[in-house]
Amino acid sequence: MGAAGNLDEADEASSTADFVNRMKIALRETREARLWLRALDRCKLSGHDRVDGLAQEAGELAAIFARIVLNVKRRVEEEKARRQR
């Protein structure tokens, strides 16, 4: 499905846990894309110059997705702690 598909699925998540799961999948897909983009660049395959900067962009997206996952998990834990008081 890829990162974009999982982002769409996350938007329609049935629960917070489902949302986090979809975001984690999008994060993994983005990291994998970055891996392949870097490999293309290192191998200097035909057309490698057309992907300049995309590996960095994939890394930036991965950082955003990771932060979203961490923030949602933290918020869930805070809400859980509040309810236990």
C-alpha atoms as a PDB file:
ATOM      1  CA  MET A   1       0.000   0.000   0.000  1.00  0.00           C
ATOM      2  CA  GLY A   2       2.862   2.371   0.718  1.00  0.00           C
ATOM      3  CA  ALA A   3       3.207   5.327   3.010  1.00  0.00           C
ATOM      4  CA  ALA A   4       0.568   7.454   1.284  1.00  0.00           C
ATOM      5  CA  GLY A   5      -2.034   4.712   1.476  1.00  0.00           C
ATOM      6  CA  ASN A   6      -1.367   4.164   5.150  1.00  0.00           C
ATOM      7  CA  LEU A   7      -1.636   7.881   5.835  1.00  0.00           C
ATOM      8  CA  ASP A   8      -5.083   7.824   4.221  1.00  0.00           C
ATOM      9  CA  GLU A   9      -5.975   4.787   6.319  1.00  0.00           C
ATOM     10  CA  ALA A  10      -4.739   6.571   9.455  1.00  0.00           C
ATOM     11  CA  ASP A  11      -7.089   9.461   8.695  1.00  0.00           C
ATOM     12  CA  GLU A  12      -9.975   6.989   8.756  1.00  0.00           C
ATOM     13  CA  ALA A  13      -8.735   5.009  11.778  1.00  0.00           C
ATOM     14  CA  SER A  14     -11.359   3.351  13.920  1.00  0.00           C
ATOM     15  CA  SER A  15      -9.450   4.004  17.145  1.00  0.00           C
ATOM     16  CA  THR A  16      -6.352   5.676  18.501  1.00  0.00           C
ATOM     17  CA  ALA A  17      -4.556   2.314  18.507  1.00  0.00           C
ATOM     18  CA  ASP A  18      -5.502   1.801  14.850  1.00  0.00           C
ATOM     19  CA  PHE A  19      -4.239   5.304  14.040  1.00  0.00           C
ATOM     20  CA  VAL A  20      -0.890   4.650  15.740  1.00  0.00           C
ATOM     21  CA  ASN A  21      -0.556   1.312  13.967  1.00  0.00           C
ATOM     22  CA  ARG A  22      -1.191   2.891  10.540  1.00  0.00           C
ATOM     23  CA  MET A  23       1.267   5.692  11.279  1.00  0.00           C
ATOM     24  CA  LYS A  24       3.913   3.147  12.290  1.00  0.00           C
ATOM     25  CA  ILE A  25       3.391   1.345   8.984  1.00  0.00           C
ATOM     26  CA  ALA A  26       3.699   4.641   7.087  1.00  0.00           C
ATOM     27  CA  LEU A  27       6.904   5.326   9.021  1.00  0.00           C
ATOM     28  CA  ARG A  28       8.350   1.931   8.060  1.00  0.00           C
ATOM     29  CA  GLU A  29       7.370   2.425   4.412  1.00  0.00           C
ATOM     30  CA  THR A  30       8.990   5.856   4.370  1.00  0.00           C
ATOM     31  CA  ARG A  31      12.194   4.523   5.910  1.00  0.00           C
ATOM     32  CA  GLU A  32      12.282   1.766   3.310  1.00  0.00           C
ATOM     33  CA  ALA A  33      11.798   4.293   0.512  1.00  0.00           C
ATOM     34  CA  ARG A  34      14.708   6.298   1.921  1.00  0.00           C
ATOM     35  CA  LEU A  35      16.857   3.185   1.929  1.00  0.00           C
ATOM     36  CA  TRP A  36      16.150   2.484  -1.746  1.00  0.00           C
ATOM     37  CA  LEU A  37      16.616   6.107  -2.766  1.00  0.00           C
ATOM     38  CA  ARG A  38      20.014   6.181  -1.080  1.00  0.00           C
ATOM     39  CA  ALA A  39      20.927   2.902  -2.778  1.00  0.00           C
ATOM     40  CA  LEU A  40      19.977   4.374  -6.169  1.00  0.00           C
ATOM     41  CA  ASP A  41      22.164   7.362  -5.503  1.00  0.00           C
ATOM     42  CA  ARG A  42      25.148   5.293  -4.374  1.00  0.00           C
ATOM     43  CA  CYS A  43      24.947   2.915  -7.313  1.00  0.00           C
ATOM     44  CA  LYS A  44      24.737   5.797  -9.774  1.00  0.00           C
ATOM     45  CA  LEU A  45      22.137   3.921 -11.784  1.00  0.00           C
ATOM     46  CA  SER A  46      20.621   5.552 -14.822  1.00  0.00           C
ATOM     47  CA  GLY A  47      18.427   8.447 -13.705  1.00  0.00           C
ATOM     48  CA  HIS A  48      19.951   8.632 -10.229  1.00  0.00           C
ATOM     49  CA  ASP A  49      20.276  12.393 -10.635  1.00  0.00           C
ATOM     50  CA  ARG A  50      16.472  12.697 -10.762  1.00  0.00           C
ATOM     51  CA  VAL A  51      16.144  11.494  -7.181  1.00  0.00           C
ATOM     52  CA  ASP A  52      18.491  14.067  -5.670  1.00  0.00           C
ATOM     53  CA  GLY A  53      17.069  15.263  -2.374  1.00  0.00           C
ATOM     54  CA  LEU A  54      14.301  12.674  -2.213  1.00  0.00           C
ATOM     55  CA  ALA A  55      16.146  10.525   0.329  1.00  0.00           C
ATOM     56  CA  GLN A  56      16.499  13.572   2.567  1.00  0.00           C
ATOM     57  CA  GLU A  57      12.829  14.387   2.106  1.00  0.00           C
ATOM     58  CA  ALA A  58      11.897  10.798   2.994  1.00  0.00           C
ATOM     59  CA  GLY A  59      14.013  11.145   6.135  1.00  0.00           C
ATOM     60  CA  GLU A  60      12.227  14.346   7.056  1.00  0.00           C
ATOM     61  CA  LEU A  61       8.848  12.688   6.541  1.00  0.00           C
ATOM     62  CA  ALA A  62       9.955   9.735   8.668  1.00  0.00           C
ATOM     63  CA  ALA A  63      10.916  12.145  11.454  1.00  0.00           C
ATOM     64  CA  ILE A  64       7.476  13.785  11.255  1.00  0.00           C
ATOM     65  CA  PHE A  65       5.679  10.432  11.343  1.00  0.00           C
ATOM     66  CA  ALA A  66       7.804   9.258  14.282  1.00  0.00           C
ATOM     67  CA  ARG A  67       7.014  12.445  16.202  1.00  0.00           C
ATOM     68  CA  ILE A  68       3.280  11.987  15.532  1.00  0.00           C
ATOM     69  CA  VAL A  69       3.425   8.433  16.891  1.00  0.00           C
ATOM     70  CA  LEU A  70       5.341   9.541  19.997  1.00  0.00           C
ATOM     71  CA  ASN A  71       3.002  12.471  20.645  1.00  0.00           C
ATOM     72  CA  VAL A  72      -0.136  10.345  20.337  1.00  0.00           C
ATOM     73  CA  LYS A  73       1.309   7.649  22.602  1.00  0.00           C
ATOM     74  CA  ARG A  74       2.287  10.290  25.176  1.00  0.00           C
ATOM     75  CA  ARG A  75      -1.189  11.854  25.038  1.00  0.00           C
ATOM     76  CA  VAL A  76      -2.830   8.450  25.537  1.00  0.00           C
ATOM     77  CA  GLU A  77      -0.605   7.744  28.539  1.00  0.00           C
ATOM     78  CA  GLU A  78      -1.371  11.163  30.037  1.00  0.00           C
ATOM     79  CA  GLU A  79      -5.114  10.629  29.610  1.00  0.00           C
ATOM     80  CA  LYS A  80      -4.810   7.182  31.169  1.00  0.00           C
ATOM     81  CA  ALA A  81      -2.901   8.606  34.163  1.00  0.00           C
ATOM     82  CA  ARG A  82      -5.501  11.367  34.592  1.00  0.00           C
ATOM     83  CA  ARG A  83      -8.339   8.834  34.680  1.00  0.00           C
ATOM     84  CA  GLN A  84      -6.540   6.817  37.365  1.00  0.00           C
ATOM     85  CA  ARG A  85      -6.300   9.780  39.733  1.00  0.00           C
END
